[in-house]
Amino acid sequence: MAKFKVIVSDPEAGTSKVVELEEARAAPLIGKKISEVIDGSIVDLPGHKAQIMGGSDKDGFPMRPSVHGGVRRRIVLSGGVGFTPTNEGMRKRKTIRGNVITDEIVQINMKITERPKQAKETKKTKERKEEKPAPQKEAQTTKPASTQQQPDTTSKS
C-alpha cells in the first residue's frame, strides 16, 4: 500500500511537475535506487526517461545515496545530503534514510534526462521548412543589375 508524491523536474525548461502515485502505479518504483534511470510512462511522461535524484520518508528523513539499503541509519555526517555544517570541520550524527525506495518513502525527486526523439525531429523539420522559403523570396525581390542605380561619380565644386 505505497503512496508516493513524485516531483519531476525539467532542467531545460526550469519547471517541475507533481505526480501522485498510488497502489499499482507506485509498484514499479519500489526497490529502485537513487541515480537509476526509469521510463517516464510511470510518471505520466511517455517517451521520456527520468533519473531518481532522492527523496524523503514519512517522517521527513532524507534519502542519501551513500547509504545502502532502504533502512534508517544514524551516521556521522560532515556535509552533503541531510546535514549542512556551520563551522569548518564540523561533524554530527544524524538520522538519514538509505538509497533504496521502500513503501515508507513518501516523496521522490526525479529529473528528466531524455526527451522523446519524435519531438526533436519535428522541431528540426519545422525550422528547415521556415528557412527554405526565405532565400527564395529574397531572390525574387532583388532587382536586376541593369535597373539598379549607379552612384553619382560627378563632383560638385
N, C-alpha and C. Protein backbone atom coordinates (compact mmCIF):
# COMPACT_ATOMS: atom_id res chain seq x y z
N MET A 1 0.83 -1.19 0.00
CA MET A 1 0.00 0.00 0.00
C MET A 1 0.88 1.26 0.00
N ALA A 2 1.69 1.39 -1.04
CA ALA A 2 2.60 2.52 -1.16
C ALA A 2 1.89 3.70 -1.83
N LYS A 3 2.20 4.88 -1.35
CA LYS A 3 1.67 6.10 -1.94
C LYS A 3 2.83 7.09 -2.02
N PHE A 4 3.16 7.52 -3.24
CA PHE A 4 4.30 8.40 -3.45
C PHE A 4 3.84 9.73 -4.03
N LYS A 5 4.53 10.78 -3.63
CA LYS A 5 4.41 12.08 -4.28
C LYS A 5 5.70 12.26 -5.06
N VAL A 6 5.63 12.21 -6.37
CA VAL A 6 6.81 12.28 -7.22
C VAL A 6 6.91 13.68 -7.81
N ILE A 7 8.06 14.32 -7.59
CA ILE A 7 8.32 15.63 -8.17
C ILE A 7 9.28 15.43 -9.33
N VAL A 8 8.81 15.73 -10.55
CA VAL A 8 9.61 15.55 -11.75
C VAL A 8 10.05 16.94 -12.22
N SER A 9 11.36 17.18 -12.24
CA SER A 9 11.91 18.46 -12.66
C SER A 9 12.41 18.38 -14.09
N ASP A 10 12.22 19.48 -14.80
CA ASP A 10 12.72 19.59 -16.17
C ASP A 10 13.83 20.63 -16.18
N PRO A 11 15.10 20.21 -16.21
CA PRO A 11 16.20 21.16 -16.13
C PRO A 11 16.27 22.14 -17.31
N GLU A 12 15.84 21.70 -18.50
CA GLU A 12 15.91 22.57 -19.68
C GLU A 12 14.89 23.70 -19.59
N ALA A 13 13.67 23.39 -19.15
CA ALA A 13 12.63 24.40 -19.08
C ALA A 13 12.62 25.12 -17.73
N GLY A 14 13.24 24.51 -16.70
CA GLY A 14 13.25 25.11 -15.38
C GLY A 14 11.93 24.97 -14.66
N THR A 15 11.17 23.95 -14.98
CA THR A 15 9.87 23.73 -14.35
C THR A 15 9.85 22.40 -13.63
N SER A 16 8.81 22.20 -12.82
CA SER A 16 8.64 20.92 -12.16
C SER A 16 7.16 20.56 -12.16
N LYS A 17 6.90 19.25 -12.01
CA LYS A 17 5.55 18.74 -12.07
C LYS A 17 5.38 17.74 -10.93
N VAL A 18 4.27 17.80 -10.20
CA VAL A 18 4.00 16.88 -9.11
C VAL A 18 3.01 15.82 -9.60
N VAL A 19 3.39 14.55 -9.39
CA VAL A 19 2.54 13.42 -9.78
C VAL A 19 2.36 12.54 -8.55
N GLU A 20 1.12 12.21 -8.22
CA GLU A 20 0.86 11.32 -7.09
C GLU A 20 0.57 9.93 -7.60
N LEU A 21 1.31 8.95 -7.06
CA LEU A 21 1.17 7.56 -7.48
C LEU A 21 0.67 6.73 -6.30
N GLU A 22 -0.30 5.87 -6.55
CA GLU A 22 -0.84 5.00 -5.50
C GLU A 22 -0.92 3.57 -6.00
N GLU A 23 -0.85 2.65 -5.05
CA GLU A 23 -1.07 1.21 -5.26
C GLU A 23 -0.28 0.66 -6.45
N ALA A 24 -0.97 0.22 -7.49
CA ALA A 24 -0.34 -0.48 -8.62
C ALA A 24 0.57 0.44 -9.43
N ARG A 25 0.25 1.72 -9.51
CA ARG A 25 1.08 2.65 -10.27
C ARG A 25 2.41 2.93 -9.55
N ALA A 26 2.43 2.76 -8.22
CA ALA A 26 3.64 3.01 -7.44
C ALA A 26 4.55 1.78 -7.37
N ALA A 27 4.03 0.62 -7.67
CA ALA A 27 4.78 -0.63 -7.54
C ALA A 27 6.08 -0.67 -8.35
N PRO A 28 6.14 -0.15 -9.58
CA PRO A 28 7.40 -0.22 -10.33
C PRO A 28 8.56 0.54 -9.69
N LEU A 29 8.27 1.50 -8.81
CA LEU A 29 9.34 2.29 -8.18
C LEU A 29 9.94 1.61 -6.95
N ILE A 30 9.21 0.70 -6.32
CA ILE A 30 9.72 0.05 -5.11
C ILE A 30 10.91 -0.83 -5.47
N GLY A 31 11.99 -0.66 -4.73
CA GLY A 31 13.22 -1.41 -4.99
C GLY A 31 14.22 -0.68 -5.86
N LYS A 32 13.84 0.44 -6.46
CA LYS A 32 14.77 1.22 -7.28
C LYS A 32 15.69 2.03 -6.37
N LYS A 33 16.88 2.34 -6.88
CA LYS A 33 17.87 3.10 -6.12
C LYS A 33 18.02 4.51 -6.67
N ILE A 34 18.61 5.37 -5.85
CA ILE A 34 18.93 6.72 -6.30
C ILE A 34 19.91 6.62 -7.46
N SER A 35 19.74 7.45 -8.46
CA SER A 35 20.53 7.58 -9.69
C SER A 35 20.15 6.56 -10.77
N GLU A 36 19.14 5.71 -10.52
CA GLU A 36 18.66 4.82 -11.58
C GLU A 36 17.77 5.61 -12.54
N VAL A 37 17.82 5.22 -13.81
CA VAL A 37 17.00 5.87 -14.83
C VAL A 37 15.80 4.96 -15.10
N ILE A 38 14.61 5.56 -15.07
CA ILE A 38 13.38 4.80 -15.30
C ILE A 38 12.64 5.36 -16.49
N ASP A 39 11.65 4.60 -16.95
CA ASP A 39 10.81 5.02 -18.06
C ASP A 39 9.84 6.09 -17.57
N GLY A 40 9.64 7.13 -18.35
CA GLY A 40 8.78 8.24 -17.96
C GLY A 40 7.30 7.92 -17.95
N SER A 41 6.89 6.82 -18.56
CA SER A 41 5.47 6.49 -18.58
C SER A 41 4.94 6.18 -17.18
N ILE A 42 5.83 5.83 -16.26
CA ILE A 42 5.42 5.58 -14.86
C ILE A 42 4.89 6.88 -14.24
N VAL A 43 5.48 8.01 -14.61
CA VAL A 43 5.09 9.30 -14.04
C VAL A 43 4.37 10.18 -15.08
N ASP A 44 3.58 9.57 -15.94
CA ASP A 44 2.74 10.26 -16.93
C ASP A 44 3.54 11.08 -17.95
N LEU A 45 4.76 10.62 -18.30
CA LEU A 45 5.56 11.28 -19.33
C LEU A 45 6.04 10.22 -20.33
N PRO A 46 5.15 9.75 -21.20
CA PRO A 46 5.57 8.69 -22.14
C PRO A 46 6.64 9.19 -23.09
N GLY A 47 7.62 8.34 -23.36
CA GLY A 47 8.70 8.68 -24.26
C GLY A 47 9.88 9.34 -23.57
N HIS A 48 9.72 9.77 -22.34
CA HIS A 48 10.79 10.41 -21.60
C HIS A 48 11.54 9.37 -20.76
N LYS A 49 12.72 9.74 -20.31
CA LYS A 49 13.48 8.98 -19.33
C LYS A 49 13.71 9.90 -18.14
N ALA A 50 13.54 9.37 -16.92
CA ALA A 50 13.71 10.17 -15.71
C ALA A 50 14.71 9.49 -14.78
N GLN A 51 15.53 10.29 -14.12
CA GLN A 51 16.53 9.78 -13.18
C GLN A 51 16.08 10.10 -11.77
N ILE A 52 16.17 9.10 -10.87
CA ILE A 52 15.81 9.30 -9.47
C ILE A 52 16.95 10.05 -8.79
N MET A 53 16.63 11.19 -8.19
CA MET A 53 17.65 12.04 -7.57
C MET A 53 17.65 11.94 -6.05
N GLY A 54 16.54 11.53 -5.43
CA GLY A 54 16.47 11.45 -3.98
C GLY A 54 15.04 11.38 -3.51
N GLY A 55 14.84 11.68 -2.24
CA GLY A 55 13.50 11.65 -1.67
C GLY A 55 13.55 11.75 -0.16
N SER A 56 12.40 11.53 0.48
CA SER A 56 12.33 11.55 1.93
C SER A 56 11.25 10.58 2.39
N ASP A 57 11.36 10.13 3.66
CA ASP A 57 10.41 9.14 4.17
C ASP A 57 9.25 9.81 4.89
N LYS A 58 8.42 9.01 5.53
CA LYS A 58 7.19 9.50 6.15
C LYS A 58 7.44 10.49 7.28
N ASP A 59 8.63 10.44 7.91
CA ASP A 59 8.95 11.36 8.99
C ASP A 59 9.86 12.50 8.55
N GLY A 60 10.15 12.59 7.26
CA GLY A 60 10.93 13.69 6.72
C GLY A 60 12.42 13.45 6.65
N PHE A 61 12.90 12.26 6.94
CA PHE A 61 14.33 11.98 6.85
C PHE A 61 14.72 11.80 5.39
N PRO A 62 15.79 12.48 4.94
CA PRO A 62 16.17 12.43 3.52
C PRO A 62 16.87 11.13 3.14
N MET A 63 16.75 10.77 1.87
CA MET A 63 17.47 9.62 1.33
C MET A 63 18.89 10.10 0.98
N ARG A 64 19.87 9.25 1.27
CA ARG A 64 21.26 9.60 0.99
C ARG A 64 21.86 8.53 0.09
N PRO A 65 22.47 8.93 -1.05
CA PRO A 65 22.99 7.95 -2.00
C PRO A 65 24.11 7.06 -1.45
N SER A 66 24.87 7.52 -0.47
CA SER A 66 26.00 6.75 0.03
C SER A 66 25.62 5.68 1.06
N VAL A 67 24.35 5.66 1.52
CA VAL A 67 23.91 4.66 2.50
C VAL A 67 23.11 3.60 1.76
N HIS A 68 23.59 2.36 1.80
CA HIS A 68 22.97 1.29 1.04
C HIS A 68 21.79 0.69 1.80
N GLY A 69 20.77 0.29 1.05
CA GLY A 69 19.59 -0.32 1.64
C GLY A 69 18.46 0.68 1.78
N GLY A 70 17.35 0.20 2.31
CA GLY A 70 16.18 1.06 2.45
C GLY A 70 15.84 1.37 3.89
N VAL A 71 16.82 1.27 4.80
CA VAL A 71 16.56 1.45 6.22
C VAL A 71 17.04 2.81 6.70
N ARG A 72 16.59 3.18 7.91
CA ARG A 72 17.07 4.39 8.56
C ARG A 72 18.35 4.06 9.31
N ARG A 73 19.28 4.98 9.26
CA ARG A 73 20.53 4.78 9.99
C ARG A 73 20.95 6.10 10.62
N ARG A 74 21.64 6.01 11.74
CA ARG A 74 22.24 7.19 12.37
C ARG A 74 23.73 7.14 12.05
N ILE A 75 24.17 8.08 11.22
CA ILE A 75 25.57 8.09 10.82
C ILE A 75 26.18 9.46 11.07
N VAL A 76 27.50 9.50 11.16
CA VAL A 76 28.22 10.75 11.36
C VAL A 76 28.41 11.41 10.00
N LEU A 77 27.91 12.64 9.87
CA LEU A 77 27.98 13.37 8.61
C LEU A 77 28.86 14.61 8.77
N SER A 78 29.57 14.94 7.69
CA SER A 78 30.36 16.16 7.69
C SER A 78 29.90 17.10 6.58
N GLY A 79 28.80 16.77 5.94
CA GLY A 79 28.24 17.60 4.88
C GLY A 79 27.47 16.75 3.89
N GLY A 80 26.89 17.39 2.90
CA GLY A 80 26.12 16.66 1.89
C GLY A 80 24.64 16.58 2.25
N VAL A 81 23.97 15.56 1.71
CA VAL A 81 22.54 15.40 1.92
C VAL A 81 22.26 15.10 3.38
N GLY A 82 21.39 15.88 4.02
CA GLY A 82 20.98 15.63 5.39
C GLY A 82 21.68 16.47 6.44
N PHE A 83 22.75 17.17 6.08
CA PHE A 83 23.47 17.97 7.07
C PHE A 83 24.30 19.05 6.38
N THR A 84 24.16 20.29 6.86
CA THR A 84 24.96 21.41 6.39
C THR A 84 25.76 21.95 7.57
N PRO A 85 27.08 21.76 7.59
CA PRO A 85 27.88 22.22 8.74
C PRO A 85 27.95 23.74 8.79
N THR A 86 27.92 24.28 10.01
CA THR A 86 28.02 25.73 10.18
C THR A 86 29.46 26.17 10.33
N ASN A 87 30.31 25.29 10.85
CA ASN A 87 31.73 25.60 11.01
C ASN A 87 32.56 24.61 10.20
N GLU A 88 33.75 25.02 9.82
CA GLU A 88 34.63 24.14 9.06
C GLU A 88 35.08 22.96 9.93
N GLY A 89 34.99 21.76 9.40
CA GLY A 89 35.39 20.57 10.13
C GLY A 89 34.32 20.01 11.06
N MET A 90 33.16 20.62 11.08
CA MET A 90 32.08 20.18 11.98
C MET A 90 31.49 18.86 11.49
N ARG A 91 31.27 17.94 12.43
CA ARG A 91 30.62 16.67 12.12
C ARG A 91 29.50 16.44 13.13
N LYS A 92 28.47 15.71 12.69
CA LYS A 92 27.34 15.49 13.57
C LYS A 92 26.67 14.17 13.21
N ARG A 93 26.15 13.47 14.22
CA ARG A 93 25.42 12.23 13.98
C ARG A 93 23.97 12.59 13.66
N LYS A 94 23.52 12.16 12.49
CA LYS A 94 22.17 12.48 12.02
C LYS A 94 21.49 11.20 11.54
N THR A 95 20.16 11.19 11.60
CA THR A 95 19.38 10.08 11.08
C THR A 95 19.04 10.35 9.63
N ILE A 96 19.33 9.39 8.78
CA ILE A 96 19.02 9.52 7.35
C ILE A 96 18.46 8.19 6.86
N ARG A 97 17.96 8.19 5.64
CA ARG A 97 17.37 7.01 5.02
C ARG A 97 18.31 6.52 3.93
N GLY A 98 18.31 5.21 3.65
CA GLY A 98 19.17 4.61 2.63
C GLY A 98 18.74 4.99 1.23
N ASN A 99 19.45 4.47 0.23
CA ASN A 99 19.25 4.88 -1.15
C ASN A 99 18.24 4.03 -1.93
N VAL A 100 17.52 3.12 -1.28
CA VAL A 100 16.55 2.26 -1.95
C VAL A 100 15.14 2.73 -1.60
N ILE A 101 14.27 2.81 -2.60
CA ILE A 101 12.89 3.22 -2.39
C ILE A 101 12.11 2.06 -1.78
N THR A 102 11.48 2.31 -0.63
CA THR A 102 10.63 1.32 0.03
C THR A 102 9.22 1.90 0.17
N ASP A 103 8.32 1.14 0.80
CA ASP A 103 6.96 1.64 0.98
C ASP A 103 6.87 2.72 2.06
N GLU A 104 7.95 2.95 2.82
CA GLU A 104 7.97 4.01 3.83
C GLU A 104 8.36 5.37 3.25
N ILE A 105 8.83 5.39 2.02
CA ILE A 105 9.17 6.64 1.34
C ILE A 105 7.88 7.34 0.94
N VAL A 106 7.85 8.65 1.10
CA VAL A 106 6.66 9.43 0.75
C VAL A 106 6.91 10.30 -0.47
N GLN A 107 8.08 10.95 -0.52
CA GLN A 107 8.39 11.87 -1.61
C GLN A 107 9.59 11.35 -2.39
N ILE A 108 9.49 11.41 -3.73
CA ILE A 108 10.59 11.01 -4.60
C ILE A 108 10.88 12.16 -5.55
N ASN A 109 12.14 12.52 -5.67
CA ASN A 109 12.56 13.60 -6.57
C ASN A 109 13.20 12.98 -7.81
N MET A 110 12.79 13.45 -8.99
CA MET A 110 13.32 12.96 -10.25
C MET A 110 13.62 14.13 -11.17
N LYS A 111 14.49 13.88 -12.17
CA LYS A 111 14.70 14.87 -13.20
C LYS A 111 14.66 14.18 -14.56
N ILE A 112 14.21 14.90 -15.56
CA ILE A 112 14.12 14.38 -16.92
C ILE A 112 15.52 14.37 -17.53
N THR A 113 15.93 13.19 -18.02
CA THR A 113 17.26 13.08 -18.62
C THR A 113 17.20 12.91 -20.13
N GLU A 114 16.09 12.40 -20.65
CA GLU A 114 15.98 12.16 -22.08
C GLU A 114 14.55 12.46 -22.53
N ARG A 115 14.45 13.19 -23.63
CA ARG A 115 13.14 13.55 -24.18
C ARG A 115 12.78 12.62 -25.34
N PRO A 116 11.52 12.63 -25.76
CA PRO A 116 11.15 11.79 -26.91
C PRO A 116 11.88 12.23 -28.17
N LYS A 117 12.26 11.27 -28.99
CA LYS A 117 13.01 11.57 -30.21
C LYS A 117 12.13 12.23 -31.26
N GLN A 118 10.85 11.92 -31.28
CA GLN A 118 9.94 12.47 -32.29
C GLN A 118 9.81 13.98 -32.15
N ALA A 119 9.73 14.48 -30.96
CA ALA A 119 9.57 15.92 -30.76
C ALA A 119 10.78 16.67 -31.29
N LYS A 120 11.97 16.15 -31.08
CA LYS A 120 13.17 16.82 -31.57
C LYS A 120 13.20 16.85 -33.09
N GLU A 121 12.81 15.75 -33.72
CA GLU A 121 12.84 15.68 -35.18
C GLU A 121 11.82 16.64 -35.79
N THR A 122 10.64 16.75 -35.21
CA THR A 122 9.63 17.64 -35.77
C THR A 122 10.06 19.09 -35.64
N LYS A 123 10.73 19.45 -34.56
CA LYS A 123 11.22 20.82 -34.43
C LYS A 123 12.26 21.13 -35.49
N LYS A 124 13.15 20.19 -35.76
CA LYS A 124 14.17 20.40 -36.77
C LYS A 124 13.56 20.55 -38.16
N THR A 125 12.57 19.73 -38.49
CA THR A 125 11.95 19.82 -39.80
C THR A 125 11.18 21.13 -39.95
N LYS A 126 10.56 21.62 -38.88
CA LYS A 126 9.85 22.90 -38.95
C LYS A 126 10.83 24.03 -39.20
N GLU A 127 11.99 23.99 -38.53
CA GLU A 127 12.99 25.03 -38.72
C GLU A 127 13.52 25.01 -40.15
N ARG A 128 13.71 23.83 -40.70
CA ARG A 128 14.20 23.72 -42.07
C ARG A 128 13.17 24.26 -43.06
N LYS A 129 11.90 23.98 -42.82
CA LYS A 129 10.84 24.47 -43.72
C LYS A 129 10.78 25.98 -43.68
N GLU A 130 10.97 26.58 -42.50
CA GLU A 130 10.93 28.03 -42.39
C GLU A 130 12.14 28.67 -43.05
N GLU A 131 13.28 28.03 -43.02
CA GLU A 131 14.50 28.61 -43.59
C GLU A 131 14.49 28.55 -45.11
N LYS A 132 13.92 27.52 -45.73
CA LYS A 132 13.96 27.36 -47.17
C LYS A 132 13.18 28.44 -47.92
N PRO A 133 11.96 28.83 -47.55
CA PRO A 133 11.25 29.85 -48.31
C PRO A 133 11.90 31.23 -48.24
N ALA A 134 12.57 31.54 -47.18
CA ALA A 134 13.16 32.87 -47.03
C ALA A 134 14.17 33.19 -48.13
N PRO A 135 15.12 32.34 -48.49
CA PRO A 135 16.06 32.68 -49.56
C PRO A 135 15.37 32.82 -50.92
N GLN A 136 14.30 32.10 -51.17
CA GLN A 136 13.60 32.20 -52.44
C GLN A 136 12.95 33.56 -52.58
N LYS A 137 12.39 34.08 -51.49
CA LYS A 137 11.75 35.40 -51.54
C LYS A 137 12.78 36.48 -51.83
N GLU A 138 13.95 36.38 -51.24
CA GLU A 138 15.00 37.37 -51.46
C GLU A 138 15.44 37.36 -52.92
N ALA A 139 15.52 36.21 -53.53
CA ALA A 139 15.95 36.10 -54.92
C ALA A 139 14.92 36.75 -55.85
N GLN A 140 13.65 36.66 -55.54
CA GLN A 140 12.61 37.22 -56.38
C GLN A 140 12.53 38.73 -56.24
N THR A 141 12.83 39.27 -55.07
CA THR A 141 12.67 40.71 -54.85
C THR A 141 13.88 41.53 -55.26
N THR A 142 15.01 40.92 -55.53
CA THR A 142 16.19 41.69 -55.93
C THR A 142 16.03 42.16 -57.37
N LYS A 143 16.53 43.35 -57.64
CA LYS A 143 16.41 43.93 -58.97
C LYS A 143 17.58 43.47 -59.83
N PRO A 144 17.37 43.35 -61.12
CA PRO A 144 18.50 43.02 -62.00
C PRO A 144 19.54 44.13 -61.95
N ALA A 145 20.76 43.81 -62.30
CA ALA A 145 21.88 44.76 -62.21
C ALA A 145 21.67 45.94 -63.15
N SER A 146 21.00 45.76 -64.29
CA SER A 146 20.84 46.84 -65.26
C SER A 146 19.87 47.91 -64.75
N THR A 147 18.91 47.58 -63.88
CA THR A 147 17.94 48.57 -63.41
C THR A 147 18.38 49.26 -62.14
N GLN A 148 19.44 48.77 -61.49
CA GLN A 148 19.91 49.41 -60.26
C GLN A 148 20.58 50.73 -60.59
N GLN A 149 20.46 51.69 -59.71
CA GLN A 149 21.06 53.00 -59.93
C GLN A 149 22.53 52.96 -59.63
N GLN A 150 23.29 53.63 -60.49
CA GLN A 150 24.73 53.72 -60.31
C GLN A 150 25.01 54.92 -59.40
N PRO A 151 26.01 54.84 -58.55
CA PRO A 151 26.34 56.01 -57.69
C PRO A 151 26.82 57.17 -58.56
N ASP A 152 26.51 58.36 -58.10
CA ASP A 152 26.86 59.58 -58.83
C ASP A 152 28.35 59.87 -58.64
N THR A 153 29.09 59.82 -59.75
CA THR A 153 30.55 59.99 -59.68
C THR A 153 30.99 61.42 -59.99
N THR A 154 30.08 62.25 -60.44
CA THR A 154 30.43 63.64 -60.76
C THR A 154 30.57 64.42 -59.47
N SER A 155 31.53 65.24 -59.39
CA SER A 155 31.75 66.03 -58.19
C SER A 155 31.19 67.43 -58.40
N LYS A 156 30.60 67.95 -57.37
CA LYS A 156 30.06 69.30 -57.41
C LYS A 156 31.03 70.22 -56.71
N SER A 157 31.58 71.18 -57.48
CA SER A 157 32.56 72.09 -56.90
C SER A 157 32.04 73.48 -56.81
